[in-house]
């Protein structure tokens, strides 16, 4: 028998392993909160990414919950603004807006990101055609 049996499920993969690793290793405070906020925003954006986007009501509920969490996190102003725009864009249906917001988040957080984390954000952008 070659390959997995026809009834076997494929193992799920997690697209943001480097971002999680960065958040786990970052110092407490600003660097860790920035990494966590970037991770949350990237996960929200991936839920809107083609070809399998989540239903709009679910994306809106997730964005609302993320906004509430972001209000309790201490982030530098440029990072907060960029993350907030990506969270808002992830609730909508405009792929170009999500792509532009994701590019801004990547630019603003670039000094704090590892090469792997940056690559994960670039792969996410490619799913939106960027």
N, C-alpha and C. Protein backbone atom coordinates (compact mmCIF):
# COMPACT_ATOMS: atom_id res chain seq x y z
N UNK A 1 0.84 -1.16 0.00
CA UNK A 1 0.00 0.00 0.00
C UNK A 1 0.89 1.24 0.00
N UNK A 2 0.68 2.10 -0.95
CA UNK A 2 1.46 3.33 -1.05
C UNK A 2 0.61 4.51 -0.60
N UNK A 3 1.21 5.37 0.20
CA UNK A 3 0.51 6.56 0.65
C UNK A 3 -0.44 6.25 1.79
N UNK A 4 -1.11 7.29 2.26
CA UNK A 4 -2.04 7.09 3.38
C UNK A 4 -3.31 6.40 2.90
N UNK A 5 -3.98 5.73 3.80
CA UNK A 5 -5.24 5.09 3.43
C UNK A 5 -6.25 6.16 2.98
N UNK A 6 -7.21 5.79 2.14
CA UNK A 6 -8.14 6.79 1.61
C UNK A 6 -9.02 7.45 2.67
N UNK A 7 -9.17 6.84 3.82
CA UNK A 7 -10.01 7.41 4.87
C UNK A 7 -9.20 8.23 5.87
N UNK A 8 -7.89 8.33 5.71
CA UNK A 8 -7.05 9.06 6.64
C UNK A 8 -7.16 10.56 6.41
N UNK A 9 -7.11 11.31 7.48
CA UNK A 9 -7.12 12.76 7.39
C UNK A 9 -5.70 13.27 7.27
N UNK A 10 -5.53 14.37 6.57
CA UNK A 10 -4.20 14.96 6.49
C UNK A 10 -3.93 15.74 7.78
N UNK A 11 -2.70 15.77 8.16
CA UNK A 11 -2.33 16.49 9.38
C UNK A 11 -2.45 17.99 9.13
N UNK A 12 -3.11 18.71 10.01
CA UNK A 12 -3.22 20.16 9.82
C UNK A 12 -1.86 20.82 10.02
N UNK A 13 -1.64 21.90 9.31
CA UNK A 13 -0.41 22.65 9.46
C UNK A 13 -0.74 24.04 10.00
N UNK A 14 0.18 24.60 10.71
CA UNK A 14 0.00 25.93 11.27
C UNK A 14 0.89 26.88 10.50
N UNK A 15 0.33 27.93 9.96
CA UNK A 15 1.04 28.81 9.04
C UNK A 15 1.96 29.82 9.72
N UNK A 16 1.86 29.98 11.03
CA UNK A 16 2.60 31.05 11.69
C UNK A 16 3.49 30.55 12.83
N UNK A 17 4.22 29.48 12.56
CA UNK A 17 5.08 28.91 13.59
C UNK A 17 6.18 29.87 14.01
N UNK A 18 6.76 30.59 13.08
CA UNK A 18 7.85 31.51 13.41
C UNK A 18 7.34 32.70 14.22
N UNK A 19 6.14 33.18 13.91
CA UNK A 19 5.57 34.27 14.69
C UNK A 19 5.30 33.84 16.13
N UNK A 20 4.80 32.63 16.29
CA UNK A 20 4.57 32.11 17.65
C UNK A 20 5.90 31.95 18.38
N UNK A 21 6.89 31.43 17.69
CA UNK A 21 8.20 31.27 18.31
C UNK A 21 8.80 32.63 18.69
N UNK A 22 8.62 33.62 17.84
CA UNK A 22 9.10 34.96 18.15
C UNK A 22 8.41 35.51 19.39
N UNK A 23 7.10 35.35 19.48
CA UNK A 23 6.35 35.83 20.65
C UNK A 23 6.79 35.10 21.91
N UNK A 24 7.09 33.83 21.80
CA UNK A 24 7.49 33.06 22.97
C UNK A 24 8.87 33.48 23.48
N UNK A 25 9.75 33.87 22.57
CA UNK A 25 11.11 34.23 22.96
C UNK A 25 11.30 35.71 23.25
N UNK A 26 10.35 36.55 22.85
CA UNK A 26 10.50 38.00 23.02
C UNK A 26 10.44 38.39 24.49
N UNK A 27 11.10 39.47 24.78
CA UNK A 27 11.10 39.99 26.15
C UNK A 27 9.69 40.44 26.52
N UNK A 28 9.39 40.36 27.81
CA UNK A 28 8.09 40.81 28.28
C UNK A 28 7.92 42.29 27.96
N UNK A 29 6.68 42.67 27.71
CA UNK A 29 6.39 44.06 27.41
C UNK A 29 6.22 44.29 25.92
N UNK A 30 6.73 45.40 25.45
CA UNK A 30 6.53 45.83 24.07
C UNK A 30 6.86 44.82 22.99
N UNK A 31 8.04 44.21 23.01
CA UNK A 31 8.37 43.26 21.95
C UNK A 31 7.42 42.05 21.90
N UNK A 32 7.09 41.51 23.06
CA UNK A 32 6.20 40.35 23.08
C UNK A 32 4.79 40.74 22.66
N UNK A 33 4.30 41.88 23.15
CA UNK A 33 2.96 42.31 22.79
C UNK A 33 2.86 42.64 21.30
N UNK A 34 3.92 43.21 20.74
CA UNK A 34 3.94 43.48 19.31
C UNK A 34 3.90 42.19 18.52
N UNK A 35 4.68 41.20 18.93
CA UNK A 35 4.67 39.91 18.23
C UNK A 35 3.31 39.23 18.35
N UNK A 36 2.70 39.28 19.53
CA UNK A 36 1.38 38.67 19.71
C UNK A 36 0.31 39.40 18.88
N UNK A 37 0.36 40.72 18.86
CA UNK A 37 -0.61 41.48 18.07
C UNK A 37 -0.44 41.20 16.58
N UNK A 38 0.79 41.06 16.13
CA UNK A 38 1.04 40.72 14.73
C UNK A 38 0.51 39.33 14.42
N UNK A 39 0.71 38.40 15.33
CA UNK A 39 0.18 37.05 15.15
C UNK A 39 -1.34 37.05 15.06
N UNK A 40 -1.99 37.76 15.98
CA UNK A 40 -3.46 37.81 15.98
C UNK A 40 -3.96 38.41 14.67
N UNK A 41 -3.37 39.51 14.24
CA UNK A 41 -3.80 40.16 13.00
C UNK A 41 -3.56 39.26 11.79
N UNK A 42 -2.44 38.56 11.77
CA UNK A 42 -2.15 37.66 10.65
C UNK A 42 -3.15 36.51 10.61
N UNK A 43 -3.50 35.98 11.77
CA UNK A 43 -4.49 34.90 11.80
C UNK A 43 -5.86 35.38 11.34
N UNK A 44 -6.24 36.60 11.72
CA UNK A 44 -7.50 37.15 11.24
C UNK A 44 -7.47 37.32 9.73
N UNK A 45 -6.38 37.84 9.21
CA UNK A 45 -6.26 38.03 7.76
C UNK A 45 -6.27 36.69 7.03
N UNK A 46 -5.65 35.68 7.60
CA UNK A 46 -5.64 34.37 6.93
C UNK A 46 -7.04 33.77 6.87
N UNK A 47 -7.91 34.16 7.81
CA UNK A 47 -9.29 33.70 7.77
C UNK A 47 -10.09 34.31 6.64
N UNK A 48 -9.58 35.40 6.06
CA UNK A 48 -10.25 36.04 4.94
C UNK A 48 -9.57 35.72 3.61
N UNK A 49 -8.50 34.93 3.66
CA UNK A 49 -7.70 34.67 2.47
C UNK A 49 -8.34 33.62 1.57
N UNK A 50 -8.25 33.85 0.26
CA UNK A 50 -8.70 32.83 -0.68
C UNK A 50 -7.79 31.60 -0.57
N UNK A 51 -8.18 30.46 -0.94
CA UNK A 51 -9.44 30.10 -1.57
C UNK A 51 -10.54 29.74 -0.58
N UNK A 52 -10.21 29.55 0.69
CA UNK A 52 -11.21 29.13 1.67
C UNK A 52 -11.33 30.20 2.75
N UNK A 53 -12.12 31.22 2.48
CA UNK A 53 -12.31 32.29 3.45
C UNK A 53 -13.46 31.93 4.40
N UNK A 54 -13.34 32.38 5.62
CA UNK A 54 -14.41 32.17 6.59
C UNK A 54 -15.63 33.02 6.22
N UNK A 55 -16.77 32.64 6.74
CA UNK A 55 -18.00 33.39 6.47
C UNK A 55 -17.89 34.80 7.06
N UNK A 56 -18.45 35.81 6.38
CA UNK A 56 -18.35 37.19 6.88
C UNK A 56 -18.82 37.40 8.31
N UNK A 57 -19.93 36.81 8.77
CA UNK A 57 -20.31 37.04 10.17
C UNK A 57 -19.26 36.53 11.16
N UNK A 58 -18.61 35.44 10.84
CA UNK A 58 -17.57 34.90 11.72
C UNK A 58 -16.35 35.81 11.71
N UNK A 59 -15.97 36.32 10.54
CA UNK A 59 -14.83 37.24 10.47
C UNK A 59 -15.10 38.53 11.24
N UNK A 60 -16.34 39.02 11.19
CA UNK A 60 -16.70 40.23 11.91
C UNK A 60 -16.62 39.98 13.42
N UNK A 61 -17.12 38.85 13.87
CA UNK A 61 -17.07 38.52 15.31
C UNK A 61 -15.62 38.38 15.78
N UNK A 62 -14.78 37.76 14.97
CA UNK A 62 -13.37 37.60 15.34
C UNK A 62 -12.67 38.95 15.41
N UNK A 63 -12.98 39.84 14.47
CA UNK A 63 -12.37 41.17 14.46
C UNK A 63 -12.82 41.98 15.67
N UNK A 64 -14.09 41.87 16.03
CA UNK A 64 -14.59 42.57 17.22
C UNK A 64 -13.86 42.11 18.48
N UNK A 65 -13.68 40.81 18.61
CA UNK A 65 -12.98 40.27 19.78
C UNK A 65 -11.51 40.71 19.79
N UNK A 66 -10.90 40.76 18.62
CA UNK A 66 -9.50 41.18 18.54
C UNK A 66 -9.35 42.66 18.90
N UNK A 67 -10.30 43.49 18.46
CA UNK A 67 -10.26 44.91 18.81
C UNK A 67 -10.34 45.10 20.33
N UNK A 68 -11.18 44.32 20.97
CA UNK A 68 -11.30 44.39 22.42
C UNK A 68 -9.98 44.01 23.09
N UNK A 69 -9.36 42.94 22.62
CA UNK A 69 -8.07 42.52 23.17
C UNK A 69 -7.00 43.57 22.92
N UNK A 70 -6.98 44.13 21.71
CA UNK A 70 -5.97 45.13 21.37
C UNK A 70 -6.08 46.39 22.23
N UNK A 71 -7.28 46.69 22.70
CA UNK A 71 -7.45 47.87 23.53
C UNK A 71 -6.77 47.72 24.89
N UNK A 72 -6.46 46.50 25.27
CA UNK A 72 -5.82 46.26 26.57
C UNK A 72 -4.33 46.02 26.47
N UNK A 73 -3.78 46.13 25.28
CA UNK A 73 -2.37 45.82 25.05
C UNK A 73 -1.59 47.11 24.81
N UNK A 74 -0.41 47.22 25.40
CA UNK A 74 0.44 48.39 25.21
C UNK A 74 1.29 48.20 23.97
N UNK A 75 0.96 48.95 22.92
CA UNK A 75 1.68 48.88 21.65
C UNK A 75 2.16 50.26 21.25
N UNK A 76 3.27 50.35 20.55
CA UNK A 76 3.67 51.64 20.01
C UNK A 76 2.59 52.15 19.05
N UNK A 77 2.41 53.45 18.96
CA UNK A 77 1.33 54.04 18.16
C UNK A 77 1.33 53.58 16.70
N UNK A 78 2.48 53.54 16.01
CA UNK A 78 2.44 53.11 14.60
C UNK A 78 2.01 51.64 14.45
N UNK A 79 2.46 50.81 15.40
CA UNK A 79 2.08 49.39 15.36
C UNK A 79 0.59 49.24 15.64
N UNK A 80 0.10 49.96 16.64
CA UNK A 80 -1.33 49.90 16.98
C UNK A 80 -2.19 50.31 15.79
N UNK A 81 -1.81 51.38 15.11
CA UNK A 81 -2.59 51.86 13.97
C UNK A 81 -2.59 50.83 12.83
N UNK A 82 -1.42 50.28 12.52
CA UNK A 82 -1.32 49.31 11.43
C UNK A 82 -2.08 48.02 11.74
N UNK A 83 -1.92 47.53 12.96
CA UNK A 83 -2.62 46.31 13.38
C UNK A 83 -4.13 46.55 13.36
N UNK A 84 -4.56 47.70 13.86
CA UNK A 84 -5.98 48.03 13.87
C UNK A 84 -6.59 48.06 12.47
N UNK A 85 -5.86 48.62 11.52
CA UNK A 85 -6.35 48.66 10.13
C UNK A 85 -6.45 47.26 9.55
N UNK A 86 -5.48 46.40 9.87
CA UNK A 86 -5.55 45.03 9.35
C UNK A 86 -6.69 44.26 9.99
N UNK A 87 -6.92 44.46 11.27
CA UNK A 87 -8.05 43.80 11.94
C UNK A 87 -9.36 44.25 11.30
N UNK A 88 -9.50 45.55 11.08
CA UNK A 88 -10.71 46.07 10.44
C UNK A 88 -10.87 45.53 9.03
N UNK A 89 -9.79 45.50 8.27
CA UNK A 89 -9.85 45.02 6.89
C UNK A 89 -10.20 43.53 6.82
N UNK A 90 -9.75 42.76 7.82
CA UNK A 90 -10.00 41.32 7.80
C UNK A 90 -11.47 40.99 7.96
N UNK A 91 -12.25 41.93 8.50
CA UNK A 91 -13.69 41.70 8.66
C UNK A 91 -14.45 41.97 7.36
N UNK A 92 -13.81 42.63 6.40
CA UNK A 92 -14.47 42.97 5.15
C UNK A 92 -14.17 41.99 4.03
N UNK A 93 -14.56 42.38 2.83
CA UNK A 93 -14.38 41.51 1.66
C UNK A 93 -13.42 42.08 0.63
N UNK A 94 -12.69 43.14 0.97
CA UNK A 94 -11.80 43.79 0.03
C UNK A 94 -10.38 43.24 0.17
N UNK A 95 -10.02 42.34 -0.72
CA UNK A 95 -8.69 41.71 -0.65
C UNK A 95 -7.58 42.74 -0.81
N UNK A 96 -7.79 43.76 -1.64
CA UNK A 96 -6.75 44.78 -1.83
C UNK A 96 -6.51 45.57 -0.55
N UNK A 97 -7.57 45.83 0.20
CA UNK A 97 -7.44 46.55 1.48
C UNK A 97 -6.68 45.69 2.50
N UNK A 98 -7.01 44.41 2.52
CA UNK A 98 -6.30 43.50 3.43
C UNK A 98 -4.83 43.43 3.06
N UNK A 99 -4.54 43.33 1.76
CA UNK A 99 -3.16 43.26 1.29
C UNK A 99 -2.40 44.53 1.65
N UNK A 100 -3.01 45.70 1.45
CA UNK A 100 -2.34 46.96 1.78
C UNK A 100 -2.10 47.06 3.29
N UNK A 101 -3.08 46.65 4.08
CA UNK A 101 -2.95 46.70 5.54
C UNK A 101 -1.88 45.71 6.02
N UNK A 102 -1.83 44.55 5.40
CA UNK A 102 -0.82 43.55 5.75
C UNK A 102 0.57 44.05 5.41
N UNK A 103 0.70 44.72 4.28
CA UNK A 103 2.00 45.29 3.90
C UNK A 103 2.45 46.34 4.91
N UNK A 104 1.52 47.15 5.40
CA UNK A 104 1.85 48.17 6.39
C UNK A 104 2.28 47.52 7.71
N UNK A 105 1.56 46.48 8.13
CA UNK A 105 1.95 45.77 9.36
C UNK A 105 3.35 45.18 9.20
N UNK A 106 3.62 44.60 8.06
CA UNK A 106 4.94 44.01 7.80
C UNK A 106 6.03 45.08 7.85
N UNK A 107 5.77 46.23 7.25
CA UNK A 107 6.75 47.31 7.26
C UNK A 107 7.01 47.86 8.66
N UNK A 108 5.93 48.07 9.41
CA UNK A 108 6.05 48.67 10.74
C UNK A 108 6.73 47.73 11.73
N UNK A 109 6.45 46.45 11.59
CA UNK A 109 7.02 45.48 12.55
C UNK A 109 8.31 44.85 12.06
N UNK A 110 8.77 45.18 10.87
CA UNK A 110 9.96 44.55 10.28
C UNK A 110 11.18 44.56 11.20
N UNK A 111 11.47 45.66 11.90
CA UNK A 111 12.66 45.63 12.76
C UNK A 111 12.58 44.58 13.88
N UNK A 112 11.38 44.16 14.24
CA UNK A 112 11.23 43.22 15.34
C UNK A 112 11.07 41.77 14.86
N UNK A 113 10.82 41.59 13.55
CA UNK A 113 10.51 40.26 13.03
C UNK A 113 11.78 39.48 12.69
N UNK A 114 11.70 38.19 12.86
CA UNK A 114 12.76 37.31 12.38
C UNK A 114 12.54 37.06 10.90
N UNK A 115 13.51 36.48 10.26
CA UNK A 115 13.39 36.17 8.84
C UNK A 115 12.21 35.21 8.58
N UNK A 116 12.05 34.24 9.46
CA UNK A 116 10.95 33.28 9.30
C UNK A 116 9.58 33.93 9.47
N UNK A 117 9.46 34.82 10.45
CA UNK A 117 8.20 35.52 10.68
C UNK A 117 7.87 36.41 9.50
N UNK A 118 8.86 37.09 8.98
CA UNK A 118 8.65 37.95 7.80
C UNK A 118 8.22 37.10 6.61
N UNK A 119 8.83 35.95 6.46
CA UNK A 119 8.47 35.04 5.36
C UNK A 119 7.02 34.57 5.49
N UNK A 120 6.58 34.31 6.71
CA UNK A 120 5.18 33.89 6.92
C UNK A 120 4.21 34.99 6.51
N UNK A 121 4.53 36.23 6.84
CA UNK A 121 3.67 37.34 6.44
C UNK A 121 3.70 37.53 4.92
N UNK A 122 4.86 37.32 4.31
CA UNK A 122 4.95 37.42 2.85
C UNK A 122 4.13 36.32 2.16
N UNK A 123 4.16 35.10 2.72
CA UNK A 123 3.33 34.01 2.14
C UNK A 123 1.86 34.32 2.28
N UNK A 124 1.46 34.92 3.40
CA UNK A 124 0.07 35.31 3.57
C UNK A 124 -0.31 36.37 2.54
N UNK A 125 0.56 37.34 2.31
CA UNK A 125 0.30 38.37 1.31
C UNK A 125 0.16 37.75 -0.08
N UNK A 126 0.94 36.73 -0.37
CA UNK A 126 0.85 36.06 -1.67
C UNK A 126 -0.52 35.40 -1.86
N UNK A 127 -1.14 34.96 -0.78
CA UNK A 127 -2.48 34.37 -0.89
C UNK A 127 -3.51 35.40 -1.32
N UNK A 128 -3.23 36.67 -1.07
CA UNK A 128 -4.11 37.75 -1.50
C UNK A 128 -3.70 38.34 -2.84
N UNK A 129 -2.67 37.76 -3.45
CA UNK A 129 -2.22 38.23 -4.75
C UNK A 129 -1.12 39.25 -4.68
N UNK A 130 -0.50 39.39 -3.52
CA UNK A 130 0.56 40.39 -3.36
C UNK A 130 1.94 39.80 -3.41
